[in-house]
PDB file of N, CA and C in Angstrom:
ATOM      1  N   MET A   1       2.236   4.691  13.035  1.00  0.00           N
ATOM      2  CA  MET A   1       1.978   4.469  11.507  1.00  0.00           C
ATOM      3  C   MET A   1       1.321   3.092  11.451  1.00  0.00           C
ATOM      4  N   ALA A   2       0.241   3.128  10.773  1.00  0.00           N
ATOM      5  CA  ALA A   2      -0.453   1.843  10.643  1.00  0.00           C
ATOM      6  C   ALA A   2      -1.305   1.803   9.186  1.00  0.00           C
ATOM      7  N   TYR A   3      -1.865   0.685   8.875  1.00  0.00           N
ATOM      8  CA  TYR A   3      -2.597   0.659   7.732  1.00  0.00           C
ATOM      9  C   TYR A   3      -4.244   0.634   8.211  1.00  0.00           C
ATOM     10  N   VAL A   4      -4.852   1.604   7.379  1.00  0.00           N
ATOM     11  CA  VAL A   4      -6.364   1.826   7.756  1.00  0.00           C
ATOM     12  C   VAL A   4      -7.078   1.289   6.619  1.00  0.00           C
ATOM     13  N   THR A   5      -8.145   0.416   6.893  1.00  0.00           N
ATOM     14  CA  THR A   5      -8.987   0.045   5.823  1.00  0.00           C
ATOM     15  C   THR A   5     -10.280   0.511   6.101  1.00  0.00           C
ATOM     16  N   TYR A   6     -11.017   1.078   5.051  1.00  0.00           N
ATOM     17  CA  TYR A   6     -12.191   1.666   5.037  1.00  0.00           C
ATOM     18  C   TYR A   6     -13.230   0.495   4.953  1.00  0.00           C
ATOM     19  N   ARG A   7     -14.257   0.456   5.816  1.00  0.00           N
ATOM     20  CA  ARG A   7     -15.252  -0.689   5.676  1.00  0.00           C
ATOM     21  C   ARG A   7     -16.648   0.010   5.524  1.00  0.00           C
ATOM     22  N   GLY A   8     -16.835   1.115   5.107  1.00  0.00           N
ATOM     23  CA  GLY A   8     -18.044   1.562   5.138  1.00  0.00           C
ATOM     24  C   GLY A   8     -18.796   1.478   3.606  1.00  0.00           C
ATOM     25  N   LYS A   9     -19.910   2.066   3.422  1.00  0.00           N
ATOM     26  CA  LYS A   9     -20.743   1.724   2.344  1.00  0.00           C
ATOM     27  C   LYS A   9     -20.471   2.697   1.053  1.00  0.00           C
ATOM     28  N   ASN A  10     -19.793   3.819   1.184  1.00  0.00           N
ATOM     29  CA  ASN A  10     -19.792   4.690   0.284  1.00  0.00           C
ATOM     30  C   ASN A  10     -18.531   4.318  -0.639  1.00  0.00           C
ATOM     31  N   ALA A  11     -18.646   4.788  -2.109  1.00  0.00           N
ATOM     32  CA  ALA A  11     -17.563   4.301  -3.051  1.00  0.00           C
ATOM     33  C   ALA A  11     -16.385   4.691  -2.713  1.00  0.00           C
ATOM     34  N   SER A  12     -16.210   5.946  -2.092  1.00  0.00           N
ATOM     35  CA  SER A  12     -14.861   6.387  -1.417  1.00  0.00           C
ATOM     36  C   SER A  12     -15.194   7.556  -0.412  1.00  0.00           C
ATOM     37  N   LEU A  13     -14.180   7.894   0.260  1.00  0.00           N
ATOM     38  CA  LEU A  13     -14.489   8.913   1.265  1.00  0.00           C
ATOM     39  C   LEU A  13     -13.279   9.602   1.483  1.00  0.00           C
ATOM     40  N   ARG A  14     -13.179  10.893   1.571  1.00  0.00           N
ATOM     41  CA  ARG A  14     -11.963  11.851   2.019  1.00  0.00           C
ATOM     42  C   ARG A  14     -12.442  12.293   3.354  1.00  0.00           C
ATOM     43  N   LEU A  15     -11.342  11.854   4.251  1.00  0.00           N
ATOM     44  CA  LEU A  15     -11.487  12.299   5.550  1.00  0.00           C
ATOM     45  C   LEU A  15      -9.928  12.444   6.166  1.00  0.00           C
ATOM     46  N   TYR A  16      -9.796  13.662   6.848  1.00  0.00           N
ATOM     47  CA  TYR A  16      -8.531  14.083   7.338  1.00  0.00           C
ATOM     48  C   TYR A  16      -7.283  14.119   6.123  1.00  0.00           C
ATOM     49  N   SER A  17      -7.880  14.581   4.972  1.00  0.00           N
ATOM     50  CA  SER A  17      -7.146  14.882   3.810  1.00  0.00           C
ATOM     51  C   SER A  17      -6.550  13.564   3.138  1.00  0.00           C
ATOM     52  N   ILE A  18      -7.396  12.372   3.507  1.00  0.00           N
ATOM     53  CA  ILE A  18      -7.009  11.129   2.998  1.00  0.00           C
ATOM     54  C   ILE A  18      -8.106  10.532   2.303  1.00  0.00           C
ATOM     55  N   ARG A  19      -7.834   9.911   0.885  1.00  0.00           N
ATOM     56  CA  ARG A  19      -8.911   9.398   0.290  1.00  0.00           C
ATOM     57  C   ARG A  19      -8.816   7.909   0.674  1.00  0.00           C
ATOM     58  N   PHE A  20     -10.022   7.349   1.112  1.00  0.00           N
ATOM     59  CA  PHE A  20     -10.123   5.998   1.385  1.00  0.00           C
ATOM     60  C   PHE A  20     -11.031   5.399   0.515  1.00  0.00           C
ATOM     61  N   GLU A  21     -10.859   4.200  -0.092  1.00  0.00           N
ATOM     62  CA  GLU A  21     -11.631   3.410  -0.889  1.00  0.00           C
ATOM     63  C   GLU A  21     -12.174   2.249  -0.082  1.00  0.00           C
ATOM     64  N   PRO A  22     -13.210   1.570  -0.170  1.00  0.00           N
ATOM     65  CA  PRO A  22     -13.424   0.475   0.529  1.00  0.00           C
ATOM     66  C   PRO A  22     -12.485  -0.804   0.183  1.00  0.00           C
ATOM     67  N   ALA A  23     -12.190  -1.372   1.394  1.00  0.00           N
ATOM     68  CA  ALA A  23     -11.405  -2.710   1.384  1.00  0.00           C
ATOM     69  C   ALA A  23      -9.945  -2.420   0.743  1.00  0.00           C
ATOM     70  N   LYS A  24      -9.508  -1.200   0.672  1.00  0.00           N
ATOM     71  CA  LYS A  24      -8.097  -0.680   0.068  1.00  0.00           C
ATOM     72  C   LYS A  24      -7.306  -0.165   1.280  1.00  0.00           C
ATOM     73  N   PRO A  25      -6.316  -0.744   1.758  1.00  0.00           N
ATOM     74  CA  PRO A  25      -5.642  -0.420   3.033  1.00  0.00           C
ATOM     75  C   PRO A  25      -4.755   0.958   2.518  1.00  0.00           C
ATOM     76  N   VAL A  26      -4.699   1.764   3.642  1.00  0.00           N
ATOM     77  CA  VAL A  26      -3.894   3.001   3.175  1.00  0.00           C
ATOM     78  C   VAL A  26      -3.163   3.344   4.540  1.00  0.00           C
ATOM     79  N   LEU A  27      -1.806   3.651   4.135  1.00  0.00           N
ATOM     80  CA  LEU A  27      -0.818   3.959   5.251  1.00  0.00           C
ATOM     81  C   LEU A  27      -1.155   5.279   5.870  1.00  0.00           C
ATOM     82  N   VAL A  28      -1.276   5.328   6.999  1.00  0.00           N
ATOM     83  CA  VAL A  28      -1.484   6.617   7.726  1.00  0.00           C
ATOM     84  C   VAL A  28      -0.430   6.758   8.749  1.00  0.00           C
ATOM     85  N   GLU A  29       0.175   7.852   8.664  1.00  0.00           N
ATOM     86  CA  GLU A  29       1.355   7.983   9.755  1.00  0.00           C
ATOM     87  C   GLU A  29       1.108   8.940  10.881  1.00  0.00           C
ATOM     88  N   ASP A  30      -0.046   9.848  10.622  1.00  0.00           N
ATOM     89  CA  ASP A  30      -0.360  10.673  11.801  1.00  0.00           C
ATOM     90  C   ASP A  30      -0.951  10.138  12.777  1.00  0.00           C
ATOM     91  N   SER A  31      -0.501  10.085  14.114  1.00  0.00           N
ATOM     92  CA  SER A  31      -0.781   9.505  15.194  1.00  0.00           C
ATOM     93  C   SER A  31      -2.237   9.967  15.629  1.00  0.00           C
ATOM     94  N   VAL A  32      -2.416  11.167  15.522  1.00  0.00           N
ATOM     95  CA  VAL A  32      -3.739  12.053  15.940  1.00  0.00           C
ATOM     96  C   VAL A  32      -4.854  11.389  15.006  1.00  0.00           C
ATOM     97  N   VAL A  33      -4.602  11.420  13.822  1.00  0.00           N
ATOM     98  CA  VAL A  33      -5.586  10.921  12.854  1.00  0.00           C
ATOM     99  C   VAL A  33      -5.725   9.256  13.024  1.00  0.00           C
ATOM    100  N   LEU A  34      -4.890   8.695  13.412  1.00  0.00           N
ATOM    101  CA  LEU A  34      -5.009   7.086  13.734  1.00  0.00           C
ATOM    102  C   LEU A  34      -5.814   6.975  14.762  1.00  0.00           C
ATOM    103  N   GLU A  35      -5.768   7.715  15.912  1.00  0.00           N
ATOM    104  CA  GLU A  35      -6.583   7.615  17.161  1.00  0.00           C
ATOM    105  C   GLU A  35      -8.080   7.887  16.686  1.00  0.00           C
ATOM    106  N   LYS A  36      -8.366   9.041  15.953  1.00  0.00           N
ATOM    107  CA  LYS A  36      -9.590   9.392  15.508  1.00  0.00           C
ATOM    108  C   LYS A  36     -10.273   8.177  14.818  1.00  0.00           C
ATOM    109  N   LEU A  37      -9.395   7.686  13.781  1.00  0.00           N
ATOM    110  CA  LEU A  37      -9.990   6.648  12.954  1.00  0.00           C
ATOM    111  C   LEU A  37     -10.223   5.339  13.805  1.00  0.00           C
ATOM    112  N   HIS A  38      -9.386   5.256  14.632  1.00  0.00           N
ATOM    113  CA  HIS A  38      -9.589   3.951  15.406  1.00  0.00           C
ATOM    114  C   HIS A  38     -10.814   3.806  16.083  1.00  0.00           C
ATOM    115  N   GLU A  39     -11.488   5.069  16.487  1.00  0.00           N
ATOM    116  CA  GLU A  39     -12.719   5.449  17.175  1.00  0.00           C
ATOM    117  C   GLU A  39     -13.806   5.100  16.176  1.00  0.00           C
ATOM    118  N   HIS A  40     -13.608   5.322  15.002  1.00  0.00           N
ATOM    119  CA  HIS A  40     -14.805   5.336  14.067  1.00  0.00           C
ATOM    120  C   HIS A  40     -15.178   4.006  13.427  1.00  0.00           C
ATOM    121  N   PRO A  41     -16.468   3.818  13.579  1.00  0.00           N
ATOM    122  CA  PRO A  41     -16.829   2.168  13.422  1.00  0.00           C
ATOM    123  C   PRO A  41     -16.648   1.747  11.843  1.00  0.00           C
ATOM    124  N   ASP A  42     -16.300   2.692  10.894  1.00  0.00           N
ATOM    125  CA  ASP A  42     -16.206   2.278   9.576  1.00  0.00           C
ATOM    126  C   ASP A  42     -14.820   2.216   9.231  1.00  0.00           C
ATOM    127  N   PHE A  43     -13.876   2.150  10.038  1.00  0.00           N
ATOM    128  CA  PHE A  43     -12.423   1.959   9.726  1.00  0.00           C
ATOM    129  C   PHE A  43     -11.797   0.931  10.624  1.00  0.00           C
ATOM    130  N   GLU A  44     -10.890   0.132   9.968  1.00  0.00           N
ATOM    131  CA  GLU A  44     -10.164  -0.871  10.717  1.00  0.00           C
ATOM    132  C   GLU A  44      -8.789  -0.417  10.651  1.00  0.00           C
ATOM    133  N   VAL A  45      -8.248  -0.242  11.766  1.00  0.00           N
ATOM    134  CA  VAL A  45      -6.757   0.252  11.882  1.00  0.00           C
ATOM    135  C   VAL A  45      -5.894  -1.081  12.501  1.00  0.00           C
ATOM    136  N   ASN A  46      -4.849  -1.193  11.898  1.00  0.00           N
ATOM    137  CA  ASN A  46      -4.044  -2.334  12.254  1.00  0.00           C
ATOM    138  C   ASN A  46      -2.613  -1.971  12.030  1.00  0.00           C
ATOM    139  N   ALA A  47      -1.866  -1.736  13.100  1.00  0.00           N
ATOM    140  CA  ALA A  47      -0.583  -1.314  13.099  1.00  0.00           C
ATOM    141  C   ALA A  47       0.340  -2.434  12.803  1.00  0.00           C
ATOM    142  N   GLU A  48       0.011  -3.651  13.000  1.00  0.00           N
ATOM    143  CA  GLU A  48       0.887  -4.864  12.881  1.00  0.00           C
ATOM    144  C   GLU A  48       0.596  -5.614  11.679  1.00  0.00           C
ATOM    145  N   LYS A  49      -0.504  -5.291  11.008  1.00  0.00           N
ATOM    146  CA  LYS A  49      -0.794  -6.185   9.824  1.00  0.00           C
ATOM    147  C   LYS A  49       0.116  -5.689   8.772  1.00  0.00           C
ATOM    148  N   VAL A  50       0.516  -7.015   8.125  1.00  0.00           N
ATOM    149  CA  VAL A  50       1.293  -6.912   6.826  1.00  0.00           C
ATOM    150  C   VAL A  50       0.344  -7.032   5.861  1.00  0.00           C
ATOM    151  N   ILE A  51       0.393  -6.036   4.856  1.00  0.00           N
ATOM    152  CA  ILE A  51      -0.579  -5.934   3.883  1.00  0.00           C
ATOM    153  C   ILE A  51       0.183  -6.680   2.429  1.00  0.00           C
ATOM    154  N   PRO A  52      -0.395  -7.811   2.074  1.00  0.00           N
ATOM    155  CA  PRO A  52       0.166  -8.410   0.876  1.00  0.00           C
ATOM    156  C   PRO A  52       0.354  -7.317  -0.350  1.00  0.00           C
ATOM    157  N   LEU A  53       1.428  -7.454  -0.991  1.00  0.00           N
ATOM    158  CA  LEU A  53       1.566  -6.376  -2.041  1.00  0.00           C
ATOM    159  C   LEU A  53       0.577  -6.675  -3.110  1.00  0.00           C
ATOM    160  N   GLU A  54      -0.057  -7.528  -3.379  1.00  0.00           N
ATOM    161  CA  GLU A  54      -1.146  -7.771  -4.227  1.00  0.00           C
ATOM    162  C   GLU A  54      -2.349  -6.856  -3.979  1.00  0.00           C
ATOM    163  N   ASP A  55      -2.483  -6.577  -2.625  1.00  0.00           N
ATOM    164  CA  ASP A  55      -3.578  -5.799  -2.111  1.00  0.00           C
ATOM    165  C   ASP A  55      -3.238  -4.220  -2.221  1.00  0.00           C
ATOM    166  N   LEU A  56      -2.157  -3.927  -2.493  1.00  0.00           N
ATOM    167  CA  LEU A  56      -1.728  -2.534  -2.593  1.00  0.00           C
ATOM    168  C   LEU A  56      -1.981  -1.815  -3.973  1.00  0.00           C
ATOM    169  N   THR A  57      -2.337  -0.517  -3.936  1.00  0.00           N
ATOM    170  CA  THR A  57      -2.626   0.016  -5.361  1.00  0.00           C
ATOM    171  C   THR A  57      -1.245   0.311  -6.073  1.00  0.00           C
ATOM    172  N   VAL A  58      -1.272   0.454  -7.401  1.00  0.00           N
ATOM    173  CA  VAL A  58      -0.035   0.734  -8.094  1.00  0.00           C
ATOM    174  C   VAL A  58       0.669   2.169  -7.500  1.00  0.00           C
ATOM    175  N   PRO A  59      -0.122   3.192  -7.047  1.00  0.00           N
ATOM    176  CA  PRO A  59       0.727   4.077  -6.449  1.00  0.00           C
ATOM    177  C   PRO A  59       1.467   3.826  -5.173  1.00  0.00           C
ATOM    178  N   GLN A  60       0.869   3.073  -4.396  1.00  0.00           N
ATOM    179  CA  GLN A  60       1.328   2.584  -3.102  1.00  0.00           C
ATOM    180  C   GLN A  60       2.527   1.765  -3.638  1.00  0.00           C
ATOM    181  N   LEU A  61       2.418   0.880  -4.548  1.00  0.00           N
ATOM    182  CA  LEU A  61       3.608  -0.020  -4.879  1.00  0.00           C
ATOM    183  C   LEU A  61       4.695   0.735  -5.557  1.00  0.00           C
ATOM    184  N   LYS A  62       4.489   1.833  -6.240  1.00  0.00           N
ATOM    185  CA  LYS A  62       5.459   2.507  -6.766  1.00  0.00           C
ATOM    186  C   LYS A  62       6.147   3.458  -5.615  1.00  0.00           C
ATOM    187  N   ASP A  63       5.432   3.882  -4.652  1.00  0.00           N
ATOM    188  CA  ASP A  63       5.963   4.536  -3.503  1.00  0.00           C
ATOM    189  C   ASP A  63       6.918   3.547  -2.867  1.00  0.00           C
ATOM    190  N   LYS A  64       6.671   2.252  -2.640  1.00  0.00           N
ATOM    191  CA  LYS A  64       7.534   1.464  -1.804  1.00  0.00           C
ATOM    192  C   LYS A  64       8.621   1.116  -2.823  1.00  0.00           C
ATOM    193  N   ALA A  65       8.528   1.194  -3.988  1.00  0.00           N
ATOM    194  CA  ALA A  65       9.660   0.797  -5.019  1.00  0.00           C
ATOM    195  C   ALA A  65      10.554   1.847  -5.012  1.00  0.00           C
ATOM    196  N   LYS A  66      10.334   3.189  -5.020  1.00  0.00           N
ATOM    197  CA  LYS A  66      11.022   4.377  -4.712  1.00  0.00           C
ATOM    198  C   LYS A  66      11.744   4.370  -3.663  1.00  0.00           C
ATOM    199  N   LYS A  67      11.083   4.091  -2.546  1.00  0.00           N
ATOM    200  CA  LYS A  67      11.861   4.114  -1.307  1.00  0.00           C
ATOM    201  C   LYS A  67      12.864   2.897  -1.230  1.00  0.00           C
ATOM    202  N   ALA A  68      12.641   1.826  -1.902  1.00  0.00           N
ATOM    203  CA  ALA A  68      13.414   0.774  -1.930  1.00  0.00           C
ATOM    204  C   ALA A  68      14.691   0.831  -2.881  1.00  0.00           C
ATOM    205  N   GLY A  69      14.635   1.880  -3.610  1.00  0.00           N
ATOM    206  CA  GLY A  69      15.515   2.259  -4.656  1.00  0.00           C
ATOM    207  C   GLY A  69      15.609   1.428  -5.893  1.00  0.00           C
ATOM    208  N   ILE A  70      14.444   0.977  -6.423  1.00  0.00           N
ATOM    209  CA  ILE A  70      14.347   0.210  -7.657  1.00  0.00           C
ATOM    210  C   ILE A  70      14.315   1.152  -8.767  1.00  0.00           C
ATOM    211  N   GLU A  71      15.331   0.851  -9.642  1.00  0.00           N
ATOM    212  CA  GLU A  71      15.407   1.818 -10.813  1.00  0.00           C
ATOM    213  C   GLU A  71      14.330   1.519 -11.881  1.00  0.00           C
ATOM    214  N   GLY A  72      13.618   2.402 -12.451  1.00  0.00           N
ATOM    215  CA  GLY A  72      12.813   2.311 -13.547  1.00  0.00           C
ATOM    216  C   GLY A  72      11.391   1.857 -12.962  1.00  0.00           C
ATOM    217  N   PHE A  73      11.155   2.016 -11.777  1.00  0.00           N
ATOM    218  CA  PHE A  73       9.805   1.675 -11.129  1.00  0.00           C
ATOM    219  C   PHE A  73       8.653   2.503 -11.905  1.00  0.00           C
ATOM    220  N   ALA A  74       8.965   3.749 -12.244  1.00  0.00           N
ATOM    221  CA  ALA A  74       7.889   4.582 -12.802  1.00  0.00           C
ATOM    222  C   ALA A  74       7.216   3.952 -13.951  1.00  0.00           C
ATOM    223  N   ASP A  75       7.869   3.227 -14.706  1.00  0.00           N
ATOM    224  CA  ASP A  75       7.347   2.749 -16.018  1.00  0.00           C
ATOM    225  C   ASP A  75       6.818   1.232 -15.841  1.00  0.00           C
ATOM    226  N   MET A  76       6.999   0.809 -14.545  1.00  0.00           N
ATOM    227  CA  MET A  76       6.536  -0.737 -14.399  1.00  0.00           C
ATOM    228  C   MET A  76       4.982  -0.775 -14.120  1.00  0.00           C
ATOM    229  N   LYS A  77       4.450  -1.892 -14.512  1.00  0.00           N
ATOM    230  CA  LYS A  77       3.254  -2.222 -14.311  1.00  0.00           C
ATOM    231  C   LYS A  77       3.056  -3.059 -12.900  1.00  0.00           C
ATOM    232  N   LYS A  78       1.875  -2.937 -12.434  1.00  0.00           N
ATOM    233  CA  LYS A  78       1.721  -3.820 -11.007  1.00  0.00           C
ATOM    234  C   LYS A  78       2.394  -5.055 -10.948  1.00  0.00           C
ATOM    235  N   PRO A  79       2.228  -6.143 -11.769  1.00  0.00           N
ATOM    236  CA  PRO A  79       3.046  -7.305 -11.643  1.00  0.00           C
ATOM    237  C   PRO A  79       4.460  -7.060 -11.509  1.00  0.00           C
ATOM    238  N   GLU A  80       4.927  -6.289 -12.334  1.00  0.00           N
ATOM    239  CA  GLU A  80       6.450  -5.958 -12.284  1.00  0.00           C
ATOM    240  C   GLU A  80       6.893  -5.470 -10.895  1.00  0.00           C
ATOM    241  N   LEU A  81       6.162  -4.554 -10.547  1.00  0.00           N
ATOM    242  CA  LEU A  81       6.368  -3.858  -9.211  1.00  0.00           C
ATOM    243  C   LEU A  81       6.359  -4.951  -8.201  1.00  0.00           C
ATOM    244  N   ILE A  82       5.290  -5.692  -8.153  1.00  0.00           N
ATOM    245  CA  ILE A  82       5.263  -6.735  -7.057  1.00  0.00           C
ATOM    246  C   ILE A  82       6.517  -7.780  -7.123  1.00  0.00           C
ATOM    247  N   ASN A  83       6.921  -8.139  -8.518  1.00  0.00           N
ATOM    248  CA  ASN A  83       8.003  -9.029  -8.579  1.00  0.00           C
ATOM    249  C   ASN A  83       9.227  -8.507  -8.148  1.00  0.00           C
ATOM    250  N   GLU A  84       9.545  -7.206  -8.334  1.00  0.00           N
ATOM    251  CA  GLU A  84      10.701  -6.561  -7.986  1.00  0.00           C
ATOM    252  C   GLU A  84      10.804  -6.386  -6.481  1.00  0.00           C
ATOM    253  N   LEU A  85       9.624  -5.979  -5.770  1.00  0.00           N
ATOM    254  CA  LEU A  85       9.534  -5.668  -4.201  1.00  0.00           C
ATOM    255  C   LEU A  85       9.836  -7.076  -3.703  1.00  0.00           C
ATOM    256  N   LYS A  86       9.237  -8.082  -4.116  1.00  0.00           N
ATOM    257  CA  LYS A  86       9.205  -9.477  -3.552  1.00  0.00           C
ATOM    258  C   LYS A  86      10.687  -9.839  -3.581  1.00  0.00           C
ATOM    259  N   ALA A  87      11.396  -9.685  -4.833  1.00  0.00           N
ATOM    260  CA  ALA A  87      12.694 -10.041  -4.843  1.00  0.00           C
ATOM    261  C   ALA A  87      13.524  -9.457  -3.965  1.00  0.00           C
ATOM    262  N   LEU A  88      13.302  -8.214  -3.701  1.00  0.00           N
ATOM    263  CA  LEU A  88      14.146  -7.403  -2.524  1.00  0.00           C
ATOM    264  C   LEU A  88      13.840  -7.929  -1.051  1.00  0.00           C
ATOM    265  N   GLU A  89      12.495  -8.277  -0.820  1.00  0.00           N
ATOM    266  CA  GLU A  89      12.217  -8.817   0.464  1.00  0.00           C
ATOM    267  C   GLU A  89      12.920 -10.164   0.664  1.00  0.00           C
ATOM    268  N   GLY A  90      12.855 -10.847  -0.277  1.00  0.00           N
ATOM    269  CA  GLY A  90      13.370 -12.382  -0.213  1.00  0.00           C
ATOM    270  C   GLY A  90      14.819 -12.254  -0.382  1.00  0.00           C
ATOM    271  N   GLY A  91      15.575 -11.315  -0.932  1.00  0.00           N
ATOM    272  CA  GLY A  91      16.845 -11.125  -1.130  1.00  0.00           C
ATOM    273  C   GLY A  91      17.283 -12.026  -2.452  1.00  0.00           C
ATOM    274  N   GLY A  92      16.156 -12.375  -3.218  1.00  0.00           N
ATOM    275  CA  GLY A  92      16.397 -13.059  -4.450  1.00  0.00           C
ATOM    276  C   GLY A  92      16.488 -12.173  -5.658  1.00  0.00           C
ATOM    277  N   VAL A  93      16.500 -12.871  -6.795  1.00  0.00           N
ATOM    278  CA  VAL A  93      16.285 -12.083  -7.843  1.00  0.00           C
ATOM    279  C   VAL A  93      15.102 -12.109  -8.551  1.00  0.00           C
ATOM    280  N   PRO A  94      14.628 -11.153  -9.476  1.00  0.00           N
ATOM    281  CA  PRO A  94      13.317 -11.242  -9.949  1.00  0.00           C
ATOM    282  C   PRO A  94      13.258 -12.375 -11.098  1.00  0.00           C
ATOM    283  N   ASP A  95      11.835 -12.920 -11.232  1.00  0.00           N
ATOM    284  CA  ASP A  95      11.808 -13.986 -12.097  1.00  0.00           C
ATOM    285  C   ASP A  95      12.277 -13.750 -13.549  1.00  0.00           C
ATOM    286  N   ALA A  96      12.715 -14.819 -14.220  1.00  0.00           N
ATOM    287  CA  ALA A  96      13.182 -14.624 -15.491  1.00  0.00           C
ATOM    288  C   ALA A  96      12.293 -14.097 -16.506  1.00  0.00           C
ATOM    289  N   ASP A  97      11.018 -14.233 -16.278  1.00  0.00           N
ATOM    290  CA  ASP A  97      10.153 -13.727 -17.237  1.00  0.00           C
ATOM    291  C   ASP A  97       9.678 -12.221 -16.821  1.00  0.00           C
ATOM    292  N   SER A  98      10.283 -11.620 -16.146  1.00  0.00           N
ATOM    293  CA  SER A  98      10.193 -10.181 -15.732  1.00  0.00           C
ATOM    294  C   SER A  98      10.531  -9.387 -17.000  1.00  0.00           C
ATOM    295  N   ASN A  99       9.895  -8.301 -17.311  1.00  0.00           N
ATOM    296  CA  ASN A  99      10.053  -7.477 -18.495  1.00  0.00           C
ATOM    297  C   ASN A  99      10.836  -6.292 -18.039  1.00  0.00           C
ATOM    298  N   THR A 100      11.591  -6.364 -16.875  1.00  0.00           N
ATOM    299  CA  THR A 100      12.176  -5.085 -16.500  1.00  0.00           C
ATOM    300  C   THR A 100      13.673  -5.088 -16.997  1.00  0.00           C
ATOM    301  N   PRO A 101      14.149  -3.709 -17.383  1.00  0.00           N
ATOM    302  CA  PRO A 101      15.285  -3.619 -18.128  1.00  0.00           C
ATOM    303  C   PRO A 101      16.395  -3.914 -17.106  1.00  0.00           C
TER     304      PRO A 101
END
């Protein structure tokens, strides 16, 4: 499993049934696909890179929130998702100005 970032010139690219957008990291779990993308000059594959939550898309954040067991994630906006996920990572509580129920 690794994050793959597309560095090509196209607006987006679908390859191996995965949609890539420039400079947006995508989590790829298939090791065969990762090997092929690693050899491709337009892709950056980084298995150890930690992607900042702010760089993830809303669907990626919602997926992380779902896996983390955050209730009400489906109705949250990006800042709320980031706040809740950071609170879980740090073991703290969300900011007081969070609009989560």
